[in-house]
Amino acid sequence: MARWRTDWKKRKQALQDLASRHEMTFQEKDEWGLRTLLKDFSLFGIGHSRRVFNVLYSATDFLEEKLAVFDYRYTIQAGNTPVTQFQTVFFIQSKQLSLPQMLLKPENFFHKVGTWFGMQDIDFEEYPEFSDRYLLQGEDEPRIRETINDDVSKFFLVQKKWSMESIGYFLVLYKHQHLMEAREMDHFVKKGMELYGYLKSKDAT
């Protein structure tokens, strides 16, 4: 969805309706401090003038699980011109997660060149198509290899060009620089929860 074509008033109403269907709370502003909470993730360190808004939020009893879907904007410099990017993010915080610090994103030509010069990219012999399509980085390679299983690799082969970041109890999912249209959001929430199910700690299920 191009930002200059976005009817923000109409979008707000559509997201309020979506929040109601999913029994979530809707807030125009980041009342829960999500941007601060996620500041260590790669996405939330890009550019400046960063802002979380249009937040759909829910939490289970005793805050065991917190779910948020929100719009996010940041500004980068393209030469002398500031360019503002928008996208939609799925976020879950859960005590049923125990994830390594990890960044997964679609691999491009420049990433492939970078790996020739020593840039990290964790590949899997058992998932060659997945490894060819995605750049995977993180400090604890053995734990990352334990985390990426058949279900996770197949998920990202179907949901093409999506990115994932994780650490500990936190998981975020997004399509880089893509603001989900309201009609896409039900599918986005469903797929986010599907991925969460694949990544839950076996000890917690």
N, C-alpha and C. Protein backbone atom coordinates (compact mmCIF):
# COMPACT_ATOMS: atom_id res chain seq x y z
N MET A 1 0.85 -1.19 0.00
CA MET A 1 0.00 0.00 0.00
C MET A 1 0.89 1.24 0.00
N ALA A 2 0.81 2.02 -1.02
CA ALA A 2 1.63 3.23 -1.10
C ALA A 2 1.14 4.26 -0.10
N ARG A 3 2.09 4.91 0.59
CA ARG A 3 1.72 5.81 1.66
C ARG A 3 0.88 6.98 1.16
N TRP A 4 1.18 7.44 -0.10
CA TRP A 4 0.46 8.60 -0.60
C TRP A 4 -0.97 8.25 -1.03
N ARG A 5 -1.27 6.95 -1.09
CA ARG A 5 -2.62 6.52 -1.44
C ARG A 5 -3.42 6.10 -0.22
N THR A 6 -2.81 6.14 0.93
CA THR A 6 -3.46 5.65 2.14
C THR A 6 -4.46 6.66 2.67
N ASP A 7 -5.70 6.21 2.83
CA ASP A 7 -6.73 7.00 3.50
C ASP A 7 -6.66 6.61 4.97
N TRP A 8 -5.95 7.41 5.76
CA TRP A 8 -5.67 7.03 7.15
C TRP A 8 -6.93 6.98 8.00
N LYS A 9 -7.89 7.82 7.72
CA LYS A 9 -9.14 7.79 8.47
C LYS A 9 -9.89 6.48 8.20
N LYS A 10 -9.95 6.10 6.93
CA LYS A 10 -10.61 4.85 6.56
C LYS A 10 -9.85 3.66 7.14
N ARG A 11 -8.53 3.73 7.11
CA ARG A 11 -7.71 2.65 7.65
C ARG A 11 -7.95 2.50 9.16
N LYS A 12 -8.01 3.60 9.87
CA LYS A 12 -8.26 3.55 11.30
C LYS A 12 -9.55 2.83 11.60
N GLN A 13 -10.61 3.14 10.87
CA GLN A 13 -11.90 2.49 11.10
C GLN A 13 -11.81 1.00 10.80
N ALA A 14 -11.13 0.63 9.72
CA ALA A 14 -10.98 -0.79 9.37
C ALA A 14 -10.21 -1.54 10.45
N LEU A 15 -9.19 -0.91 11.01
CA LEU A 15 -8.40 -1.56 12.05
C LEU A 15 -9.17 -1.66 13.35
N GLN A 16 -10.00 -0.68 13.64
CA GLN A 16 -10.87 -0.77 14.81
C GLN A 16 -11.83 -1.95 14.67
N ASP A 17 -12.37 -2.14 13.47
CA ASP A 17 -13.26 -3.27 13.22
C ASP A 17 -12.51 -4.59 13.38
N LEU A 18 -11.27 -4.62 12.88
CA LEU A 18 -10.45 -5.83 13.01
C LEU A 18 -10.17 -6.13 14.48
N ALA A 19 -9.84 -5.11 15.25
CA ALA A 19 -9.58 -5.30 16.67
C ALA A 19 -10.80 -5.88 17.38
N SER A 20 -11.97 -5.40 17.01
CA SER A 20 -13.20 -5.90 17.61
C SER A 20 -13.41 -7.38 17.29
N ARG A 21 -13.16 -7.77 16.05
CA ARG A 21 -13.33 -9.17 15.64
C ARG A 21 -12.38 -10.09 16.39
N HIS A 22 -11.20 -9.60 16.69
CA HIS A 22 -10.19 -10.42 17.36
C HIS A 22 -10.17 -10.18 18.88
N GLU A 23 -11.14 -9.45 19.38
CA GLU A 23 -11.24 -9.14 20.82
C GLU A 23 -9.95 -8.50 21.32
N MET A 24 -9.49 -7.50 20.55
CA MET A 24 -8.29 -6.76 20.89
C MET A 24 -8.65 -5.30 21.15
N THR A 25 -7.75 -4.61 21.82
CA THR A 25 -7.90 -3.18 22.06
C THR A 25 -7.21 -2.41 20.94
N PHE A 26 -7.82 -1.31 20.49
CA PHE A 26 -7.21 -0.47 19.47
C PHE A 26 -6.83 0.88 20.07
N GLN A 27 -5.60 1.31 19.80
CA GLN A 27 -5.14 2.64 20.21
C GLN A 27 -4.39 3.27 19.05
N GLU A 28 -4.66 4.54 18.79
CA GLU A 28 -3.94 5.24 17.72
C GLU A 28 -2.46 5.43 18.08
N LYS A 29 -2.18 5.62 19.37
CA LYS A 29 -0.81 5.85 19.81
C LYS A 29 -0.26 4.63 20.54
N ASP A 30 1.06 4.60 20.68
CA ASP A 30 1.75 3.49 21.34
C ASP A 30 1.66 3.65 22.86
N GLU A 31 0.50 3.27 23.40
CA GLU A 31 0.27 3.42 24.84
C GLU A 31 1.04 2.39 25.66
N TRP A 32 1.56 1.36 25.02
CA TRP A 32 2.22 0.27 25.75
C TRP A 32 3.74 0.32 25.65
N GLY A 33 4.29 1.35 25.04
CA GLY A 33 5.74 1.50 24.96
C GLY A 33 6.43 0.45 24.11
N LEU A 34 5.77 0.07 23.01
CA LEU A 34 6.31 -1.01 22.17
C LEU A 34 7.63 -0.63 21.51
N ARG A 35 7.74 0.61 21.05
CA ARG A 35 8.97 1.01 20.36
C ARG A 35 10.18 0.90 21.28
N THR A 36 10.01 1.29 22.53
CA THR A 36 11.10 1.17 23.50
C THR A 36 11.40 -0.29 23.80
N LEU A 37 10.34 -1.09 23.91
CA LEU A 37 10.49 -2.51 24.21
C LEU A 37 11.27 -3.24 23.12
N LEU A 38 11.10 -2.79 21.88
CA LEU A 38 11.69 -3.49 20.74
C LEU A 38 12.92 -2.78 20.17
N LYS A 39 13.49 -1.86 20.90
CA LYS A 39 14.57 -1.03 20.38
C LYS A 39 15.81 -1.82 19.98
N ASP A 40 16.00 -3.02 20.51
CA ASP A 40 17.19 -3.81 20.17
C ASP A 40 17.03 -4.62 18.89
N PHE A 41 15.84 -4.60 18.30
CA PHE A 41 15.62 -5.32 17.06
C PHE A 41 16.10 -4.48 15.87
N SER A 42 16.57 -5.17 14.85
CA SER A 42 17.13 -4.50 13.67
C SER A 42 16.16 -3.49 13.05
N LEU A 43 14.93 -3.90 12.86
CA LEU A 43 13.94 -3.03 12.22
C LEU A 43 13.80 -1.70 12.93
N PHE A 44 13.84 -1.73 14.26
CA PHE A 44 13.56 -0.54 15.05
C PHE A 44 14.80 0.32 15.30
N GLY A 45 15.88 -0.01 14.60
CA GLY A 45 17.07 0.82 14.66
C GLY A 45 17.34 1.54 13.35
N ILE A 46 16.46 1.34 12.37
CA ILE A 46 16.66 1.96 11.06
C ILE A 46 16.16 3.41 11.08
N GLY A 47 16.94 4.30 10.49
CA GLY A 47 16.49 5.67 10.26
C GLY A 47 16.25 6.47 11.53
N HIS A 48 15.35 7.46 11.39
CA HIS A 48 15.02 8.33 12.52
C HIS A 48 13.52 8.66 12.45
N SER A 49 13.06 9.47 13.39
CA SER A 49 11.64 9.83 13.46
C SER A 49 10.77 8.57 13.49
N ARG A 50 11.17 7.62 14.30
CA ARG A 50 10.47 6.34 14.38
C ARG A 50 9.17 6.49 15.19
N ARG A 51 8.14 5.80 14.73
CA ARG A 51 6.85 5.92 15.41
C ARG A 51 6.03 4.65 15.25
N VAL A 52 5.51 4.14 16.36
CA VAL A 52 4.54 3.05 16.38
C VAL A 52 3.15 3.66 16.54
N PHE A 53 2.20 3.23 15.72
CA PHE A 53 0.85 3.79 15.81
C PHE A 53 -0.16 2.76 15.29
N ASN A 54 -1.44 3.08 15.42
CA ASN A 54 -2.51 2.16 15.02
C ASN A 54 -2.28 0.78 15.61
N VAL A 55 -2.28 0.71 16.93
CA VAL A 55 -1.90 -0.52 17.63
C VAL A 55 -3.13 -1.34 18.00
N LEU A 56 -3.13 -2.60 17.60
CA LEU A 56 -4.10 -3.59 18.07
C LEU A 56 -3.39 -4.42 19.12
N TYR A 57 -3.99 -4.57 20.30
CA TYR A 57 -3.28 -5.17 21.43
C TYR A 57 -4.21 -6.08 22.22
N SER A 58 -3.64 -7.19 22.71
CA SER A 58 -4.37 -8.05 23.64
C SER A 58 -3.37 -8.72 24.56
N ALA A 59 -3.84 -9.13 25.72
CA ALA A 59 -2.99 -9.83 26.69
C ALA A 59 -3.82 -10.85 27.44
N THR A 60 -3.22 -11.99 27.74
CA THR A 60 -3.90 -13.02 28.51
C THR A 60 -3.81 -12.70 29.99
N ASP A 61 -4.52 -13.47 30.80
CA ASP A 61 -4.46 -13.29 32.25
C ASP A 61 -3.02 -13.42 32.73
N PHE A 62 -2.66 -12.60 33.70
CA PHE A 62 -1.33 -12.58 34.30
C PHE A 62 -0.24 -12.21 33.28
N LEU A 63 -0.67 -11.67 32.13
CA LEU A 63 0.26 -11.18 31.11
C LEU A 63 1.24 -12.25 30.64
N GLU A 64 0.76 -13.51 30.64
CA GLU A 64 1.61 -14.61 30.15
C GLU A 64 1.92 -14.45 28.67
N GLU A 65 0.98 -13.83 27.95
CA GLU A 65 1.12 -13.68 26.50
C GLU A 65 0.58 -12.31 26.10
N LYS A 66 1.39 -11.53 25.38
CA LYS A 66 0.97 -10.22 24.88
C LYS A 66 1.10 -10.23 23.36
N LEU A 67 0.04 -9.81 22.69
CA LEU A 67 0.01 -9.78 21.23
C LEU A 67 -0.27 -8.36 20.76
N ALA A 68 0.47 -7.90 19.77
CA ALA A 68 0.23 -6.59 19.18
C ALA A 68 0.47 -6.65 17.68
N VAL A 69 -0.39 -5.97 16.94
CA VAL A 69 -0.19 -5.76 15.52
C VAL A 69 -0.29 -4.25 15.30
N PHE A 70 0.70 -3.68 14.63
CA PHE A 70 0.73 -2.22 14.58
C PHE A 70 1.38 -1.72 13.29
N ASP A 71 1.09 -0.46 12.98
CA ASP A 71 1.77 0.24 11.89
C ASP A 71 3.03 0.89 12.45
N TYR A 72 4.03 0.98 11.61
CA TYR A 72 5.31 1.53 12.03
C TYR A 72 5.87 2.41 10.91
N ARG A 73 6.44 3.53 11.29
CA ARG A 73 7.04 4.43 10.31
C ARG A 73 8.42 4.87 10.77
N TYR A 74 9.30 5.13 9.81
CA TYR A 74 10.61 5.68 10.09
C TYR A 74 11.07 6.43 8.84
N THR A 75 12.03 7.30 9.02
CA THR A 75 12.51 8.13 7.91
C THR A 75 13.98 7.86 7.65
N ILE A 76 14.32 7.69 6.38
CA ILE A 76 15.71 7.50 5.96
C ILE A 76 16.07 8.59 4.95
N GLN A 77 17.36 8.76 4.73
CA GLN A 77 17.82 9.74 3.75
C GLN A 77 18.13 9.05 2.42
N ALA A 78 17.53 9.54 1.35
CA ALA A 78 17.85 9.08 0.00
C ALA A 78 18.55 10.24 -0.70
N GLY A 79 19.88 10.29 -0.58
CA GLY A 79 20.62 11.46 -1.03
C GLY A 79 20.31 12.61 -0.09
N ASN A 80 19.82 13.70 -0.62
CA ASN A 80 19.43 14.85 0.21
C ASN A 80 17.95 14.85 0.55
N THR A 81 17.25 13.80 0.15
CA THR A 81 15.79 13.77 0.32
C THR A 81 15.40 12.80 1.43
N PRO A 82 14.67 13.26 2.44
CA PRO A 82 14.16 12.33 3.44
C PRO A 82 12.99 11.52 2.87
N VAL A 83 13.01 10.22 3.12
CA VAL A 83 11.95 9.33 2.64
C VAL A 83 11.38 8.59 3.84
N THR A 84 10.08 8.67 4.02
CA THR A 84 9.42 7.99 5.13
C THR A 84 8.84 6.66 4.66
N GLN A 85 9.19 5.61 5.37
CA GLN A 85 8.71 4.26 5.06
C GLN A 85 7.67 3.83 6.08
N PHE A 86 6.68 3.08 5.60
CA PHE A 86 5.62 2.57 6.46
C PHE A 86 5.55 1.06 6.32
N GLN A 87 5.21 0.37 7.39
CA GLN A 87 4.95 -1.05 7.32
C GLN A 87 4.15 -1.52 8.53
N THR A 88 3.69 -2.74 8.45
CA THR A 88 2.89 -3.33 9.52
C THR A 88 3.69 -4.45 10.17
N VAL A 89 3.57 -4.56 11.49
CA VAL A 89 4.38 -5.50 12.26
C VAL A 89 3.49 -6.35 13.16
N PHE A 90 3.76 -7.65 13.21
CA PHE A 90 3.15 -8.57 14.17
C PHE A 90 4.16 -8.80 15.28
N PHE A 91 3.73 -8.66 16.53
CA PHE A 91 4.62 -8.83 17.68
C PHE A 91 3.94 -9.70 18.73
N ILE A 92 4.68 -10.64 19.27
CA ILE A 92 4.17 -11.41 20.40
C ILE A 92 5.26 -11.56 21.46
N GLN A 93 4.86 -11.39 22.69
CA GLN A 93 5.73 -11.64 23.84
C GLN A 93 5.08 -12.74 24.65
N SER A 94 5.80 -13.84 24.86
CA SER A 94 5.18 -14.99 25.53
C SER A 94 6.21 -15.76 26.35
N LYS A 95 5.77 -16.23 27.50
CA LYS A 95 6.62 -17.06 28.32
C LYS A 95 6.72 -18.48 27.77
N GLN A 96 5.97 -18.76 26.71
CA GLN A 96 6.09 -20.06 26.03
C GLN A 96 7.15 -20.02 24.93
N LEU A 97 7.79 -18.87 24.77
CA LEU A 97 8.89 -18.75 23.82
C LEU A 97 10.22 -18.73 24.57
N SER A 98 11.22 -19.33 23.96
CA SER A 98 12.59 -19.28 24.48
C SER A 98 13.50 -19.28 23.26
N LEU A 99 13.63 -18.10 22.64
CA LEU A 99 14.25 -18.00 21.32
C LEU A 99 15.64 -17.39 21.38
N PRO A 100 16.51 -17.82 20.49
CA PRO A 100 17.82 -17.16 20.37
C PRO A 100 17.65 -15.80 19.70
N GLN A 101 18.65 -14.95 19.86
CA GLN A 101 18.69 -13.69 19.10
C GLN A 101 18.90 -14.08 17.65
N MET A 102 17.97 -13.62 16.79
CA MET A 102 17.96 -14.13 15.43
C MET A 102 17.32 -13.11 14.49
N LEU A 103 17.88 -12.97 13.30
CA LEU A 103 17.33 -12.13 12.24
C LEU A 103 17.24 -12.96 10.97
N LEU A 104 16.03 -13.07 10.43
CA LEU A 104 15.80 -13.79 9.19
C LEU A 104 15.15 -12.83 8.20
N LYS A 105 15.72 -12.71 7.01
CA LYS A 105 15.14 -11.82 6.01
C LYS A 105 15.46 -12.32 4.61
N PRO A 106 14.66 -11.92 3.63
CA PRO A 106 14.91 -12.38 2.26
C PRO A 106 16.32 -12.03 1.81
N GLU A 107 16.96 -13.00 1.17
CA GLU A 107 18.34 -12.80 0.72
C GLU A 107 18.35 -12.17 -0.67
N ASN A 108 19.21 -11.17 -0.86
CA ASN A 108 19.33 -10.55 -2.17
C ASN A 108 20.77 -10.69 -2.69
N PHE A 109 21.02 -10.15 -3.85
CA PHE A 109 22.33 -10.27 -4.49
C PHE A 109 23.45 -9.72 -3.61
N PHE A 110 23.20 -8.58 -2.96
CA PHE A 110 24.24 -7.95 -2.15
C PHE A 110 24.56 -8.78 -0.91
N HIS A 111 23.55 -9.47 -0.37
CA HIS A 111 23.81 -10.38 0.74
C HIS A 111 24.73 -11.52 0.28
N LYS A 112 24.42 -12.06 -0.91
CA LYS A 112 25.23 -13.17 -1.42
C LYS A 112 26.69 -12.73 -1.61
N VAL A 113 26.86 -11.52 -2.14
CA VAL A 113 28.22 -10.99 -2.29
C VAL A 113 28.88 -10.83 -0.92
N GLY A 114 28.10 -10.34 0.05
CA GLY A 114 28.63 -10.14 1.40
C GLY A 114 29.13 -11.43 2.02
N THR A 115 28.42 -12.53 1.77
CA THR A 115 28.84 -13.80 2.35
C THR A 115 30.18 -14.25 1.77
N TRP A 116 30.47 -13.85 0.53
CA TRP A 116 31.79 -14.18 -0.06
C TRP A 116 32.91 -13.50 0.70
N PHE A 117 32.59 -12.38 1.37
CA PHE A 117 33.60 -11.63 2.10
C PHE A 117 33.47 -11.83 3.62
N GLY A 118 32.77 -12.89 4.00
CA GLY A 118 32.73 -13.25 5.41
C GLY A 118 31.50 -12.84 6.19
N MET A 119 30.50 -12.21 5.55
CA MET A 119 29.28 -11.87 6.27
C MET A 119 28.54 -13.15 6.68
N GLN A 120 28.02 -13.15 7.88
CA GLN A 120 27.36 -14.36 8.39
C GLN A 120 26.07 -14.66 7.64
N ASP A 121 25.89 -15.91 7.28
CA ASP A 121 24.61 -16.41 6.76
C ASP A 121 24.55 -17.89 7.12
N ILE A 122 23.67 -18.24 8.03
CA ILE A 122 23.55 -19.61 8.51
C ILE A 122 22.71 -20.41 7.51
N ASP A 123 23.33 -21.40 6.88
CA ASP A 123 22.65 -22.23 5.88
C ASP A 123 22.40 -23.64 6.43
N PHE A 124 21.42 -24.31 5.83
CA PHE A 124 21.03 -25.65 6.25
C PHE A 124 21.11 -26.60 5.05
N GLU A 125 21.89 -27.65 5.16
CA GLU A 125 21.96 -28.63 4.09
C GLU A 125 20.60 -29.29 3.87
N GLU A 126 19.82 -29.46 4.96
CA GLU A 126 18.54 -30.14 4.86
C GLU A 126 17.43 -29.25 4.30
N TYR A 127 17.67 -27.92 4.26
CA TYR A 127 16.68 -26.98 3.72
C TYR A 127 17.34 -26.08 2.67
N PRO A 128 17.78 -26.65 1.55
CA PRO A 128 18.55 -25.85 0.59
C PRO A 128 17.76 -24.70 -0.03
N GLU A 129 16.48 -24.91 -0.33
CA GLU A 129 15.68 -23.83 -0.94
C GLU A 129 15.48 -22.69 0.04
N PHE A 130 15.19 -23.03 1.28
CA PHE A 130 15.05 -22.03 2.35
C PHE A 130 16.35 -21.24 2.49
N SER A 131 17.48 -21.93 2.54
CA SER A 131 18.77 -21.26 2.72
C SER A 131 19.13 -20.38 1.53
N ASP A 132 18.70 -20.78 0.34
CA ASP A 132 18.98 -19.99 -0.85
C ASP A 132 18.16 -18.69 -0.86
N ARG A 133 17.00 -18.72 -0.26
CA ARG A 133 16.09 -17.56 -0.32
C ARG A 133 16.27 -16.59 0.84
N TYR A 134 16.82 -17.07 1.97
CA TYR A 134 16.85 -16.25 3.17
C TYR A 134 18.25 -16.10 3.76
N LEU A 135 18.49 -14.90 4.25
CA LEU A 135 19.68 -14.60 5.05
C LEU A 135 19.31 -14.81 6.52
N LEU A 136 20.09 -15.58 7.23
CA LEU A 136 19.81 -15.90 8.63
C LEU A 136 21.05 -15.60 9.46
N GLN A 137 20.89 -14.75 10.47
CA GLN A 137 22.02 -14.33 11.28
C GLN A 137 21.66 -14.36 12.76
N GLY A 138 22.68 -14.57 13.60
CA GLY A 138 22.50 -14.55 15.03
C GLY A 138 23.74 -15.05 15.73
N GLU A 139 23.85 -14.74 17.02
CA GLU A 139 25.08 -15.05 17.76
C GLU A 139 25.19 -16.51 18.14
N ASP A 140 24.08 -17.15 18.48
CA ASP A 140 24.11 -18.52 18.99
C ASP A 140 23.67 -19.48 17.89
N GLU A 141 24.62 -19.83 17.02
CA GLU A 141 24.27 -20.65 15.86
C GLU A 141 23.70 -22.01 16.24
N PRO A 142 24.23 -22.72 17.23
CA PRO A 142 23.64 -24.02 17.58
C PRO A 142 22.16 -23.90 17.98
N ARG A 143 21.81 -22.89 18.77
CA ARG A 143 20.39 -22.72 19.16
C ARG A 143 19.53 -22.32 17.97
N ILE A 144 20.08 -21.53 17.08
CA ILE A 144 19.33 -21.15 15.88
C ILE A 144 19.04 -22.38 15.04
N ARG A 145 20.02 -23.26 14.92
CA ARG A 145 19.82 -24.49 14.15
C ARG A 145 18.76 -25.39 14.79
N GLU A 146 18.67 -25.36 16.10
CA GLU A 146 17.63 -26.13 16.79
C GLU A 146 16.25 -25.50 16.58
N THR A 147 16.22 -24.18 16.39
CA THR A 147 14.96 -23.45 16.29
C THR A 147 14.32 -23.57 14.91
N ILE A 148 15.14 -23.51 13.87
CA ILE A 148 14.63 -23.58 12.50
C ILE A 148 14.35 -25.05 12.16
N ASN A 149 13.09 -25.42 12.22
CA ASN A 149 12.69 -26.81 11.97
C ASN A 149 11.93 -26.90 10.63
N ASP A 150 11.39 -28.08 10.35
CA ASP A 150 10.67 -28.28 9.09
C ASP A 150 9.52 -27.28 8.94
N ASP A 151 8.75 -27.10 10.01
CA ASP A 151 7.58 -26.23 9.94
C ASP A 151 7.98 -24.78 9.67
N VAL A 152 9.02 -24.31 10.34
CA VAL A 152 9.46 -22.93 10.17
C VAL A 152 9.99 -22.71 8.76
N SER A 153 10.82 -23.61 8.28
CA SER A 153 11.38 -23.44 6.93
C SER A 153 10.29 -23.47 5.87
N LYS A 154 9.32 -24.36 6.01
CA LYS A 154 8.21 -24.43 5.05
C LYS A 154 7.34 -23.18 5.13
N PHE A 155 7.15 -22.66 6.34
CA PHE A 155 6.35 -21.44 6.52
C PHE A 155 6.92 -20.31 5.67
N PHE A 156 8.23 -20.11 5.71
CA PHE A 156 8.84 -18.99 5.00
C PHE A 156 9.00 -19.25 3.50
N LEU A 157 8.92 -20.49 3.08
CA LEU A 157 8.89 -20.75 1.65
C LEU A 157 7.52 -20.41 1.05
N VAL A 158 6.48 -20.51 1.87
CA VAL A 158 5.12 -20.15 1.42
C VAL A 158 4.88 -18.65 1.57
N GLN A 159 5.20 -18.10 2.75
CA GLN A 159 5.02 -16.66 3.01
C GLN A 159 6.27 -15.93 2.52
N LYS A 160 6.36 -15.73 1.25
CA LYS A 160 7.59 -15.24 0.63
C LYS A 160 7.86 -13.78 0.99
N LYS A 161 9.15 -13.49 1.16
CA LYS A 161 9.64 -12.14 1.39
C LYS A 161 9.24 -11.56 2.75
N TRP A 162 8.88 -12.42 3.70
CA TRP A 162 8.63 -11.96 5.06
C TRP A 162 9.92 -12.04 5.86
N SER A 163 9.99 -11.22 6.90
CA SER A 163 11.16 -11.19 7.79
C SER A 163 10.72 -11.54 9.21
N MET A 164 11.65 -12.08 9.98
CA MET A 164 11.39 -12.44 11.37
C MET A 164 12.58 -12.03 12.22
N GLU A 165 12.29 -11.52 13.41
CA GLU A 165 13.32 -11.27 14.41
C GLU A 165 12.86 -11.84 15.73
N SER A 166 13.83 -12.30 16.53
CA SER A 166 13.46 -12.88 17.83
C SER A 166 14.58 -12.70 18.83
N ILE A 167 14.19 -12.74 20.08
CA ILE A 167 15.13 -12.86 21.20
C ILE A 167 14.32 -13.18 22.45
N GLY A 168 14.67 -14.26 23.10
CA GLY A 168 14.01 -14.62 24.35
C GLY A 168 12.52 -14.83 24.20
N TYR A 169 11.73 -14.01 24.92
CA TYR A 169 10.28 -14.10 24.89
C TYR A 169 9.66 -13.33 23.72
N PHE A 170 10.47 -12.64 22.92
CA PHE A 170 9.95 -11.71 21.92
C PHE A 170 10.09 -12.27 20.50
N LEU A 171 9.04 -12.04 19.70
CA LEU A 171 9.04 -12.44 18.29
C LEU A 171 8.34 -11.36 17.48
N VAL A 172 8.96 -10.93 16.38
CA VAL A 172 8.30 -10.01 15.46
C VAL A 172 8.35 -10.58 14.05
N LEU A 173 7.30 -10.28 13.29
CA LEU A 173 7.15 -10.75 11.92
C LEU A 173 6.67 -9.58 11.07
N TYR A 174 7.26 -9.41 9.89
CA TYR A 174 6.86 -8.29 9.04
C TYR A 174 7.32 -8.54 7.61
N LYS A 175 6.78 -7.79 6.69
CA LYS A 175 7.23 -7.75 5.31
C LYS A 175 7.84 -6.38 5.11
N HIS A 176 9.13 -6.33 4.82
CA HIS A 176 9.88 -5.09 4.84
C HIS A 176 9.24 -4.01 3.95
N GLN A 177 9.00 -2.86 4.55
CA GLN A 177 8.45 -1.68 3.87
C GLN A 177 7.11 -1.97 3.21
N HIS A 178 6.32 -2.83 3.85
CA HIS A 178 4.98 -3.14 3.34
C HIS A 178 3.93 -2.83 4.40
N LEU A 179 3.09 -1.87 4.10
CA LEU A 179 1.97 -1.55 4.97
C LEU A 179 0.80 -2.43 4.55
N MET A 180 0.43 -3.35 5.43
CA MET A 180 -0.65 -4.28 5.11
C MET A 180 -1.97 -3.53 4.90
N GLU A 181 -2.67 -3.86 3.83
CA GLU A 181 -4.01 -3.35 3.67
C GLU A 181 -4.91 -4.02 4.70
N ALA A 182 -5.99 -3.34 5.05
CA ALA A 182 -6.89 -3.87 6.08
C ALA A 182 -7.37 -5.28 5.73
N ARG A 183 -7.61 -5.52 4.44
CA ARG A 183 -8.11 -6.84 4.02
C ARG A 183 -7.05 -7.92 4.17
N GLU A 184 -5.79 -7.55 4.31
CA GLU A 184 -4.70 -8.52 4.50
C GLU A 184 -4.50 -8.87 5.97
N MET A 185 -5.06 -8.07 6.86
CA MET A 185 -4.67 -8.15 8.26
C MET A 185 -5.14 -9.42 8.95
N ASP A 186 -6.33 -9.91 8.61
CA ASP A 186 -6.79 -11.16 9.22
C ASP A 186 -5.81 -12.29 8.89
N HIS A 187 -5.38 -12.35 7.65
CA HIS A 187 -4.42 -13.37 7.23
C HIS A 187 -3.09 -13.18 7.96
N PHE A 188 -2.68 -11.93 8.11
CA PHE A 188 -1.41 -11.62 8.77
C PHE A 188 -1.43 -12.09 10.23
N VAL A 189 -2.51 -11.80 10.94
CA VAL A 189 -2.64 -12.24 12.33
C VAL A 189 -2.64 -13.76 12.40
N LYS A 190 -3.40 -14.39 11.52
CA LYS A 190 -3.48 -15.85 11.50
C LYS A 190 -2.11 -16.47 11.28
N LYS A 191 -1.35 -15.93 10.32
CA LYS A 191 -0.04 -16.49 10.02
C LYS A 191 0.97 -16.20 11.12
N GLY A 192 0.86 -15.04 11.74
CA GLY A 192 1.72 -14.74 12.88
C GLY A 192 1.52 -15.73 14.01
N MET A 193 0.26 -16.06 14.29
CA MET A 193 -0.04 -17.03 15.34
C MET A 193 0.41 -18.44 14.94
N GLU A 194 0.33 -18.73 13.66
CA GLU A 194 0.81 -20.03 13.17
C GLU A 194 2.32 -20.17 13.41
N LEU A 195 3.06 -19.13 13.06
CA LEU A 195 4.51 -19.16 13.28
C LEU A 195 4.82 -19.26 14.77
N TYR A 196 4.09 -18.53 15.58
CA TYR A 196 4.26 -18.60 17.04
C TYR A 196 4.09 -20.04 17.53
N GLY A 197 3.09 -20.73 16.98
CA GLY A 197 2.88 -22.12 17.36
C GLY A 197 4.06 -23.01 17.03
N TYR A 198 4.71 -22.76 15.89
CA TYR A 198 5.87 -23.55 15.49
C TYR A 198 7.08 -23.29 16.37
N LEU A 199 7.14 -22.09 16.96
CA LEU A 199 8.33 -21.68 17.70
C LEU A 199 8.20 -21.82 19.22
N LYS A 200 7.04 -22.20 19.68
CA LYS A 200 6.87 -22.39 21.12
C LYS A 200 7.85 -23.41 21.65
N SER A 201 8.31 -23.17 22.86
CA SER A 201 9.22 -24.11 23.50
C SER A 201 8.50 -25.44 23.72
N LYS A 202 9.16 -26.54 23.38
CA LYS A 202 8.57 -27.85 23.56
C LYS A 202 8.27 -28.13 25.03
N ASP A 203 9.05 -27.53 25.91
CA ASP A 203 8.84 -27.73 27.35
C ASP A 203 7.59 -27.03 27.84
N ALA A 204 7.10 -26.02 27.02
CA ALA A 204 5.96 -25.23 27.45
C ALA A 204 4.64 -25.75 26.91
N THR A 205 4.69 -26.72 25.99
CA THR A 205 3.47 -27.22 25.36
C THR A 205 3.01 -28.50 26.00
